[in-house]
Amino acid sequence: MICRVADALACAGLEPIRIAVARPGDVEKYGSALDNDLEVEWVLDGKTHAGPVDALEEALMDPRLEGQSTLQLAPVDCPWITEELFSSLREGLAEGDALIMPHDGERPHPLLALIRPELVRKMIVGDRRPLHLQFSQARHSVLLEDPAVLRNVNSPEDLEGDAS
């Protein structure tokens, strides 16, 4: 599943792709599945298996983000996302917005948001509420997207079921 997400990010011109892993061994495990031509930066989680709020807060403290105007979030369990989704998010981010996130008509998908790191960092540090609540309260735009593209897949078996 990581291959599909990484390829969509690369096709949208969003390299380097920064991938956070829980253990050093995960770099080889996941890296062996990726195209060798992808520009990937591996990051080891400070807190193993941290939730999305903690993981994002940690990522936003990374000094490599200094001067970066936007950061595309992308979990590996949304394998049907496309390069077009990422491009649409980039085109739809309004000046002054902290972020833009896709919405499937029923709920927002904050883990696929395009964010402005500086603004989001100030907003989430120390706030343990779910990201969809925090992001919904920030100045943001919404991109309405096909629910099938945003579908969460939790196992390779689920992915095989989608392919048929």
N, C-alpha and C. Protein backbone atom coordinates (compact mmCIF):
# COMPACT_ATOMS: atom_id res chain seq x y z
N MET A 1 0.83 -1.20 0.00
CA MET A 1 0.00 0.00 0.00
C MET A 1 0.87 1.26 0.00
N ILE A 2 2.01 1.19 0.67
CA ILE A 2 2.89 2.35 0.74
C ILE A 2 3.36 2.76 -0.65
N CYS A 3 3.50 1.78 -1.56
CA CYS A 3 3.96 2.08 -2.93
C CYS A 3 2.99 2.99 -3.65
N ARG A 4 1.70 2.72 -3.53
CA ARG A 4 0.69 3.51 -4.23
C ARG A 4 0.71 4.96 -3.75
N VAL A 5 0.80 5.14 -2.44
CA VAL A 5 0.80 6.49 -1.87
C VAL A 5 2.07 7.23 -2.28
N ALA A 6 3.21 6.57 -2.15
CA ALA A 6 4.48 7.20 -2.50
C ALA A 6 4.52 7.57 -3.99
N ASP A 7 4.01 6.69 -4.84
CA ASP A 7 3.99 6.99 -6.28
C ASP A 7 3.09 8.20 -6.59
N ALA A 8 1.94 8.28 -5.93
CA ALA A 8 1.04 9.42 -6.16
C ALA A 8 1.70 10.72 -5.70
N LEU A 9 2.40 10.68 -4.57
CA LEU A 9 3.11 11.87 -4.09
C LEU A 9 4.19 12.28 -5.08
N ALA A 10 4.97 11.31 -5.55
CA ALA A 10 6.06 11.61 -6.49
C ALA A 10 5.51 12.16 -7.80
N CYS A 11 4.45 11.57 -8.32
CA CYS A 11 3.87 12.04 -9.58
C CYS A 11 3.32 13.46 -9.45
N ALA A 12 2.93 13.83 -8.23
CA ALA A 12 2.44 15.19 -7.99
C ALA A 12 3.58 16.16 -7.71
N GLY A 13 4.82 15.69 -7.80
CA GLY A 13 5.98 16.56 -7.59
C GLY A 13 6.25 16.86 -6.13
N LEU A 14 5.88 15.95 -5.24
CA LEU A 14 6.00 16.20 -3.80
C LEU A 14 7.16 15.44 -3.16
N GLU A 15 8.26 15.34 -3.88
CA GLU A 15 9.46 14.76 -3.30
C GLU A 15 10.33 15.87 -2.74
N PRO A 16 11.13 15.61 -1.72
CA PRO A 16 11.32 14.32 -1.08
C PRO A 16 10.08 13.90 -0.28
N ILE A 17 9.90 12.60 -0.20
CA ILE A 17 8.80 12.02 0.57
C ILE A 17 9.37 11.62 1.91
N ARG A 18 8.84 12.21 2.96
CA ARG A 18 9.33 11.91 4.32
C ARG A 18 8.42 10.85 4.92
N ILE A 19 9.00 9.71 5.26
CA ILE A 19 8.23 8.59 5.80
C ILE A 19 8.66 8.35 7.24
N ALA A 20 7.70 8.42 8.15
CA ALA A 20 7.96 8.16 9.57
C ALA A 20 7.72 6.68 9.85
N VAL A 21 8.66 6.05 10.54
CA VAL A 21 8.55 4.64 10.89
C VAL A 21 8.76 4.48 12.39
N ALA A 22 8.21 3.39 12.93
CA ALA A 22 8.28 3.14 14.37
C ALA A 22 9.64 2.57 14.79
N ARG A 23 10.22 1.70 13.94
CA ARG A 23 11.47 1.02 14.29
C ARG A 23 12.47 1.11 13.14
N PRO A 24 13.76 1.08 13.45
CA PRO A 24 14.76 1.13 12.38
C PRO A 24 14.57 0.03 11.33
N GLY A 25 14.16 -1.16 11.74
CA GLY A 25 13.95 -2.26 10.80
C GLY A 25 12.86 -1.98 9.78
N ASP A 26 11.96 -1.04 10.11
CA ASP A 26 10.88 -0.70 9.18
C ASP A 26 11.40 0.01 7.93
N VAL A 27 12.55 0.65 8.04
CA VAL A 27 13.12 1.33 6.87
C VAL A 27 13.39 0.31 5.77
N GLU A 28 14.02 -0.80 6.13
CA GLU A 28 14.30 -1.85 5.13
C GLU A 28 13.01 -2.51 4.67
N LYS A 29 12.12 -2.79 5.62
CA LYS A 29 10.86 -3.46 5.29
C LYS A 29 10.06 -2.65 4.27
N TYR A 30 9.83 -1.37 4.56
CA TYR A 30 9.04 -0.54 3.66
C TYR A 30 9.85 -0.06 2.46
N GLY A 31 11.12 0.22 2.70
CA GLY A 31 11.97 0.71 1.63
C GLY A 31 12.13 -0.29 0.50
N SER A 32 12.13 -1.57 0.82
CA SER A 32 12.28 -2.60 -0.22
C SER A 32 11.07 -2.64 -1.15
N ALA A 33 9.94 -2.11 -0.70
CA ALA A 33 8.73 -2.10 -1.52
C ALA A 33 8.65 -0.88 -2.43
N LEU A 34 9.48 0.12 -2.18
CA LEU A 34 9.41 1.38 -2.93
C LEU A 34 10.32 1.37 -4.15
N ASP A 35 9.94 2.15 -5.13
CA ASP A 35 10.75 2.36 -6.32
C ASP A 35 12.06 3.05 -5.90
N ASN A 36 13.19 2.51 -6.35
CA ASN A 36 14.49 3.06 -5.97
C ASN A 36 14.71 4.48 -6.48
N ASP A 37 13.93 4.91 -7.47
CA ASP A 37 14.10 6.25 -8.02
C ASP A 37 13.43 7.33 -7.17
N LEU A 38 12.61 6.93 -6.19
CA LEU A 38 11.93 7.90 -5.34
C LEU A 38 12.92 8.54 -4.37
N GLU A 39 12.74 9.83 -4.16
CA GLU A 39 13.57 10.53 -3.18
C GLU A 39 12.85 10.46 -1.83
N VAL A 40 13.38 9.62 -0.92
CA VAL A 40 12.73 9.36 0.36
C VAL A 40 13.65 9.77 1.50
N GLU A 41 13.07 10.42 2.51
CA GLU A 41 13.77 10.71 3.76
C GLU A 41 13.05 9.90 4.84
N TRP A 42 13.81 9.10 5.55
CA TRP A 42 13.24 8.27 6.61
C TRP A 42 13.38 8.97 7.95
N VAL A 43 12.32 8.92 8.75
CA VAL A 43 12.30 9.55 10.06
C VAL A 43 11.85 8.50 11.08
N LEU A 44 12.60 8.35 12.15
CA LEU A 44 12.24 7.41 13.20
C LEU A 44 11.38 8.13 14.23
N ASP A 45 10.20 7.56 14.53
CA ASP A 45 9.30 8.15 15.52
C ASP A 45 10.01 8.29 16.86
N GLY A 46 9.87 9.46 17.48
CA GLY A 46 10.39 9.66 18.83
C GLY A 46 9.61 8.83 19.84
N LYS A 47 8.30 8.73 19.63
CA LYS A 47 7.42 7.90 20.45
C LYS A 47 6.91 6.78 19.57
N THR A 48 7.28 5.55 19.89
CA THR A 48 6.84 4.43 19.07
C THR A 48 5.32 4.32 19.08
N HIS A 49 4.75 4.19 17.90
CA HIS A 49 3.30 4.04 17.71
C HIS A 49 2.51 5.22 18.30
N ALA A 50 3.05 6.40 18.15
CA ALA A 50 2.33 7.60 18.60
C ALA A 50 1.07 7.77 17.76
N GLY A 51 0.08 8.39 18.33
CA GLY A 51 -1.14 8.68 17.58
C GLY A 51 -0.89 9.79 16.59
N PRO A 52 -1.87 10.09 15.75
CA PRO A 52 -1.65 11.09 14.70
C PRO A 52 -1.34 12.49 15.21
N VAL A 53 -1.93 12.90 16.33
CA VAL A 53 -1.66 14.25 16.84
C VAL A 53 -0.21 14.34 17.31
N ASP A 54 0.24 13.35 18.10
CA ASP A 54 1.62 13.35 18.58
C ASP A 54 2.61 13.23 17.43
N ALA A 55 2.31 12.36 16.48
CA ALA A 55 3.22 12.17 15.35
C ALA A 55 3.34 13.45 14.51
N LEU A 56 2.21 14.12 14.27
CA LEU A 56 2.25 15.35 13.50
C LEU A 56 2.98 16.45 14.26
N GLU A 57 2.71 16.56 15.55
CA GLU A 57 3.41 17.57 16.35
C GLU A 57 4.92 17.34 16.29
N GLU A 58 5.34 16.10 16.43
CA GLU A 58 6.77 15.78 16.36
C GLU A 58 7.33 16.13 14.98
N ALA A 59 6.60 15.76 13.93
CA ALA A 59 7.07 16.06 12.56
C ALA A 59 7.21 17.55 12.33
N LEU A 60 6.29 18.33 12.88
CA LEU A 60 6.33 19.78 12.67
C LEU A 60 7.47 20.46 13.42
N MET A 61 8.07 19.76 14.36
CA MET A 61 9.22 20.31 15.09
C MET A 61 10.54 20.02 14.37
N ASP A 62 10.49 19.25 13.30
CA ASP A 62 11.69 18.88 12.56
C ASP A 62 12.31 20.12 11.92
N PRO A 63 13.57 20.41 12.22
CA PRO A 63 14.21 21.61 11.65
C PRO A 63 14.28 21.61 10.12
N ARG A 64 14.16 20.46 9.49
CA ARG A 64 14.20 20.40 8.02
C ARG A 64 12.98 21.08 7.40
N LEU A 65 11.95 21.36 8.22
CA LEU A 65 10.76 22.03 7.70
C LEU A 65 10.92 23.56 7.65
N GLU A 66 11.96 24.08 8.27
CA GLU A 66 12.18 25.53 8.27
C GLU A 66 12.15 26.06 6.85
N GLY A 67 11.33 27.06 6.64
CA GLY A 67 11.25 27.69 5.33
C GLY A 67 10.36 26.96 4.34
N GLN A 68 9.84 25.81 4.70
CA GLN A 68 8.95 25.07 3.80
C GLN A 68 7.54 25.64 3.96
N SER A 69 6.97 26.12 2.86
CA SER A 69 5.68 26.81 2.95
C SER A 69 4.50 25.87 3.13
N THR A 70 4.60 24.65 2.58
CA THR A 70 3.50 23.69 2.73
C THR A 70 4.07 22.30 2.99
N LEU A 71 3.21 21.46 3.56
CA LEU A 71 3.55 20.06 3.82
C LEU A 71 2.31 19.23 3.53
N GLN A 72 2.45 18.25 2.64
CA GLN A 72 1.35 17.37 2.31
C GLN A 72 1.36 16.17 3.24
N LEU A 73 0.28 15.96 3.99
CA LEU A 73 0.15 14.78 4.82
C LEU A 73 -0.42 13.65 3.97
N ALA A 74 0.01 12.42 4.25
CA ALA A 74 -0.49 11.28 3.48
C ALA A 74 -0.24 9.99 4.25
N PRO A 75 -1.27 9.39 4.82
CA PRO A 75 -1.09 8.10 5.49
C PRO A 75 -0.99 6.99 4.46
N VAL A 76 -0.34 5.90 4.84
CA VAL A 76 -0.15 4.80 3.88
C VAL A 76 -1.41 3.96 3.70
N ASP A 77 -2.43 4.15 4.53
CA ASP A 77 -3.61 3.30 4.46
C ASP A 77 -4.73 3.89 3.60
N CYS A 78 -4.38 4.80 2.70
CA CYS A 78 -5.33 5.36 1.72
C CYS A 78 -4.75 5.14 0.33
N PRO A 79 -4.71 3.88 -0.13
CA PRO A 79 -3.99 3.57 -1.37
C PRO A 79 -4.63 4.05 -2.65
N TRP A 80 -5.86 4.54 -2.60
CA TRP A 80 -6.52 4.97 -3.83
C TRP A 80 -6.36 6.46 -4.09
N ILE A 81 -5.61 7.15 -3.23
CA ILE A 81 -5.38 8.57 -3.48
C ILE A 81 -4.55 8.72 -4.76
N THR A 82 -4.71 9.86 -5.37
CA THR A 82 -4.11 10.06 -6.68
C THR A 82 -3.26 11.33 -6.72
N GLU A 83 -2.45 11.39 -7.72
CA GLU A 83 -1.66 12.59 -7.99
C GLU A 83 -2.60 13.79 -8.18
N GLU A 84 -3.77 13.55 -8.81
CA GLU A 84 -4.73 14.63 -9.05
C GLU A 84 -5.28 15.19 -7.73
N LEU A 85 -5.49 14.33 -6.75
CA LEU A 85 -5.94 14.81 -5.44
C LEU A 85 -4.93 15.77 -4.85
N PHE A 86 -3.66 15.37 -4.87
CA PHE A 86 -2.62 16.23 -4.31
C PHE A 86 -2.50 17.54 -5.08
N SER A 87 -2.61 17.48 -6.39
CA SER A 87 -2.56 18.69 -7.21
C SER A 87 -3.75 19.60 -6.91
N SER A 88 -4.93 19.02 -6.75
CA SER A 88 -6.13 19.81 -6.44
C SER A 88 -6.02 20.48 -5.08
N LEU A 89 -5.42 19.79 -4.12
CA LEU A 89 -5.22 20.40 -2.81
C LEU A 89 -4.29 21.60 -2.93
N ARG A 90 -3.20 21.43 -3.68
CA ARG A 90 -2.23 22.52 -3.86
C ARG A 90 -2.90 23.72 -4.54
N GLU A 91 -3.71 23.46 -5.55
CA GLU A 91 -4.39 24.53 -6.28
C GLU A 91 -5.48 25.19 -5.43
N GLY A 92 -6.08 24.45 -4.50
CA GLY A 92 -7.20 24.96 -3.72
C GLY A 92 -6.82 25.65 -2.43
N LEU A 93 -5.56 25.58 -2.03
CA LEU A 93 -5.13 26.22 -0.77
C LEU A 93 -5.17 27.73 -0.94
N ALA A 94 -6.09 28.36 -0.21
CA ALA A 94 -6.26 29.81 -0.33
C ALA A 94 -5.22 30.55 0.51
N GLU A 95 -4.89 31.74 0.05
CA GLU A 95 -3.97 32.58 0.81
C GLU A 95 -4.59 32.85 2.18
N GLY A 96 -3.80 32.71 3.21
CA GLY A 96 -4.30 32.94 4.56
C GLY A 96 -4.83 31.69 5.24
N ASP A 97 -5.10 30.63 4.46
CA ASP A 97 -5.54 29.37 5.05
C ASP A 97 -4.37 28.69 5.77
N ALA A 98 -4.67 28.04 6.88
CA ALA A 98 -3.68 27.21 7.56
C ALA A 98 -3.56 25.87 6.85
N LEU A 99 -4.66 25.46 6.16
CA LEU A 99 -4.67 24.15 5.52
C LEU A 99 -5.86 24.01 4.59
N ILE A 100 -5.80 22.96 3.80
CA ILE A 100 -6.94 22.51 3.01
C ILE A 100 -7.01 21.00 3.21
N MET A 101 -8.22 20.50 3.44
CA MET A 101 -8.34 19.05 3.61
C MET A 101 -9.48 18.51 2.77
N PRO A 102 -9.29 17.27 2.29
CA PRO A 102 -10.36 16.65 1.52
C PRO A 102 -11.52 16.24 2.42
N HIS A 103 -12.70 16.19 1.83
CA HIS A 103 -13.93 15.82 2.53
C HIS A 103 -14.71 14.90 1.60
N ASP A 104 -15.26 13.83 2.14
CA ASP A 104 -15.97 12.87 1.29
C ASP A 104 -17.48 13.09 1.25
N GLY A 105 -17.94 14.21 1.77
CA GLY A 105 -19.37 14.49 1.82
C GLY A 105 -19.99 14.13 3.16
N GLU A 106 -19.31 13.29 3.92
CA GLU A 106 -19.77 12.92 5.25
C GLU A 106 -18.80 13.35 6.34
N ARG A 107 -17.50 13.27 6.04
CA ARG A 107 -16.52 13.64 7.06
C ARG A 107 -15.23 14.15 6.42
N PRO A 108 -14.51 14.97 7.19
CA PRO A 108 -13.22 15.47 6.69
C PRO A 108 -12.14 14.39 6.84
N HIS A 109 -11.07 14.54 6.08
CA HIS A 109 -9.94 13.62 6.14
C HIS A 109 -8.67 14.42 6.45
N PRO A 110 -8.47 14.75 7.73
CA PRO A 110 -7.33 15.61 8.09
C PRO A 110 -5.97 15.00 7.83
N LEU A 111 -5.87 13.67 7.80
CA LEU A 111 -4.56 13.06 7.55
C LEU A 111 -4.16 13.10 6.08
N LEU A 112 -5.02 13.67 5.25
CA LEU A 112 -4.68 13.92 3.84
C LEU A 112 -4.65 15.42 3.55
N ALA A 113 -4.54 16.21 4.59
CA ALA A 113 -4.54 17.67 4.42
C ALA A 113 -3.20 18.17 3.88
N LEU A 114 -3.28 19.27 3.17
CA LEU A 114 -2.10 20.05 2.79
C LEU A 114 -2.06 21.19 3.79
N ILE A 115 -0.97 21.28 4.54
CA ILE A 115 -0.91 22.25 5.64
C ILE A 115 0.22 23.25 5.44
N ARG A 116 0.07 24.38 6.11
CA ARG A 116 1.15 25.35 6.23
C ARG A 116 1.80 25.05 7.59
N PRO A 117 3.00 24.46 7.59
CA PRO A 117 3.60 23.97 8.83
C PRO A 117 3.67 24.99 9.95
N GLU A 118 4.06 26.20 9.63
CA GLU A 118 4.22 27.22 10.67
C GLU A 118 2.90 27.51 11.38
N LEU A 119 1.83 27.67 10.61
CA LEU A 119 0.52 27.98 11.20
C LEU A 119 -0.05 26.78 11.96
N VAL A 120 0.09 25.59 11.40
CA VAL A 120 -0.46 24.40 12.06
C VAL A 120 0.33 24.07 13.32
N ARG A 121 1.63 24.27 13.30
CA ARG A 121 2.46 24.01 14.49
C ARG A 121 1.96 24.83 15.66
N LYS A 122 1.72 26.10 15.44
CA LYS A 122 1.25 26.97 16.52
C LYS A 122 -0.11 26.51 17.05
N MET A 123 -0.91 25.96 16.18
CA MET A 123 -2.27 25.56 16.52
C MET A 123 -2.31 24.27 17.34
N ILE A 124 -1.50 23.28 16.98
CA ILE A 124 -1.67 21.95 17.59
C ILE A 124 -0.78 21.65 18.79
N VAL A 125 0.30 22.40 18.97
CA VAL A 125 1.21 22.08 20.06
C VAL A 125 0.46 22.09 21.39
N GLY A 126 0.51 20.95 22.06
CA GLY A 126 -0.13 20.82 23.37
C GLY A 126 -1.62 20.54 23.33
N ASP A 127 -2.23 20.54 22.16
CA ASP A 127 -3.67 20.30 22.04
C ASP A 127 -3.88 18.83 21.68
N ARG A 128 -4.55 18.09 22.52
CA ARG A 128 -4.71 16.65 22.31
C ARG A 128 -6.05 16.29 21.65
N ARG A 129 -6.82 17.27 21.24
CA ARG A 129 -8.09 16.96 20.58
C ARG A 129 -7.82 16.31 19.23
N PRO A 130 -8.77 15.53 18.71
CA PRO A 130 -8.59 14.92 17.39
C PRO A 130 -8.31 15.98 16.32
N LEU A 131 -7.50 15.60 15.33
CA LEU A 131 -7.11 16.54 14.28
C LEU A 131 -8.30 17.09 13.51
N HIS A 132 -9.33 16.29 13.28
CA HIS A 132 -10.47 16.81 12.52
C HIS A 132 -11.13 17.98 13.25
N LEU A 133 -11.11 17.96 14.58
CA LEU A 133 -11.66 19.09 15.35
C LEU A 133 -10.74 20.30 15.27
N GLN A 134 -9.45 20.07 15.50
CA GLN A 134 -8.49 21.17 15.45
C GLN A 134 -8.46 21.82 14.06
N PHE A 135 -8.38 21.00 13.02
CA PHE A 135 -8.28 21.52 11.67
C PHE A 135 -9.56 22.23 11.26
N SER A 136 -10.70 21.74 11.70
CA SER A 136 -11.99 22.36 11.35
C SER A 136 -12.14 23.74 11.97
N GLN A 137 -11.45 23.99 13.07
CA GLN A 137 -11.54 25.28 13.74
C GLN A 137 -10.53 26.29 13.20
N ALA A 138 -9.57 25.83 12.42
CA ALA A 138 -8.59 26.73 11.83
C ALA A 138 -9.17 27.33 10.55
N ARG A 139 -8.58 28.41 10.09
CA ARG A 139 -8.98 28.95 8.80
C ARG A 139 -8.51 27.95 7.74
N HIS A 140 -9.47 27.40 6.99
CA HIS A 140 -9.13 26.35 6.04
C HIS A 140 -10.09 26.32 4.87
N SER A 141 -9.69 25.58 3.87
CA SER A 141 -10.53 25.28 2.72
C SER A 141 -10.82 23.78 2.72
N VAL A 142 -11.85 23.41 1.97
CA VAL A 142 -12.25 22.01 1.88
C VAL A 142 -12.29 21.62 0.40
N LEU A 143 -11.82 20.44 0.09
CA LEU A 143 -11.89 19.89 -1.25
C LEU A 143 -12.82 18.68 -1.19
N LEU A 144 -13.96 18.77 -1.85
CA LEU A 144 -14.89 17.65 -1.90
C LEU A 144 -14.33 16.60 -2.85
N GLU A 145 -14.24 15.36 -2.36
CA GLU A 145 -13.59 14.29 -3.13
C GLU A 145 -14.43 13.02 -3.07
N ASP A 146 -14.31 12.20 -4.08
CA ASP A 146 -14.99 10.91 -4.16
C ASP A 146 -14.60 10.06 -2.94
N PRO A 147 -15.57 9.55 -2.19
CA PRO A 147 -15.26 8.72 -1.02
C PRO A 147 -14.38 7.50 -1.36
N ALA A 148 -14.51 6.94 -2.55
CA ALA A 148 -13.70 5.78 -2.93
C ALA A 148 -12.21 6.13 -2.98
N VAL A 149 -11.89 7.35 -3.38
CA VAL A 149 -10.49 7.78 -3.45
C VAL A 149 -9.91 7.93 -2.04
N LEU A 150 -10.74 8.32 -1.08
CA LEU A 150 -10.29 8.56 0.29
C LEU A 150 -10.41 7.33 1.18
N ARG A 151 -10.87 6.23 0.63
CA ARG A 151 -11.15 5.03 1.41
C ARG A 151 -9.92 4.54 2.17
N ASN A 152 -10.13 4.25 3.45
CA ASN A 152 -9.09 3.72 4.32
C ASN A 152 -9.04 2.20 4.17
N VAL A 153 -7.86 1.67 3.93
CA VAL A 153 -7.65 0.23 3.76
C VAL A 153 -6.66 -0.20 4.84
N ASN A 154 -7.06 -1.15 5.67
CA ASN A 154 -6.23 -1.53 6.82
C ASN A 154 -5.37 -2.77 6.63
N SER A 155 -5.60 -3.52 5.57
CA SER A 155 -4.78 -4.72 5.37
C SER A 155 -4.68 -5.02 3.87
N PRO A 156 -3.67 -5.79 3.50
CA PRO A 156 -3.55 -6.18 2.08
C PRO A 156 -4.78 -6.95 1.60
N GLU A 157 -5.43 -7.67 2.50
CA GLU A 157 -6.65 -8.40 2.12
C GLU A 157 -7.76 -7.42 1.73
N ASP A 158 -7.87 -6.31 2.47
CA ASP A 158 -8.86 -5.28 2.11
C ASP A 158 -8.54 -4.71 0.73
N LEU A 159 -7.27 -4.53 0.45
CA LEU A 159 -6.85 -3.99 -0.84
C LEU A 159 -7.20 -4.95 -1.97
N GLU A 160 -6.99 -6.24 -1.74
CA GLU A 160 -7.34 -7.24 -2.75
C GLU A 160 -8.84 -7.25 -3.00
N GLY A 161 -9.63 -7.07 -1.93
CA GLY A 161 -11.09 -7.03 -2.07
C GLY A 161 -11.54 -5.85 -2.90
N ASP A 162 -10.81 -4.73 -2.82
CA ASP A 162 -11.14 -3.55 -3.62
C ASP A 162 -10.84 -3.75 -5.09
N ALA A 163 -9.82 -4.54 -5.38
CA ALA A 163 -9.38 -4.71 -6.76
C ALA A 163 -10.35 -5.55 -7.58
N SER A 164 -11.16 -6.35 -6.91
CA SER A 164 -12.06 -7.24 -7.68
C SER A 164 -13.34 -6.57 -8.06
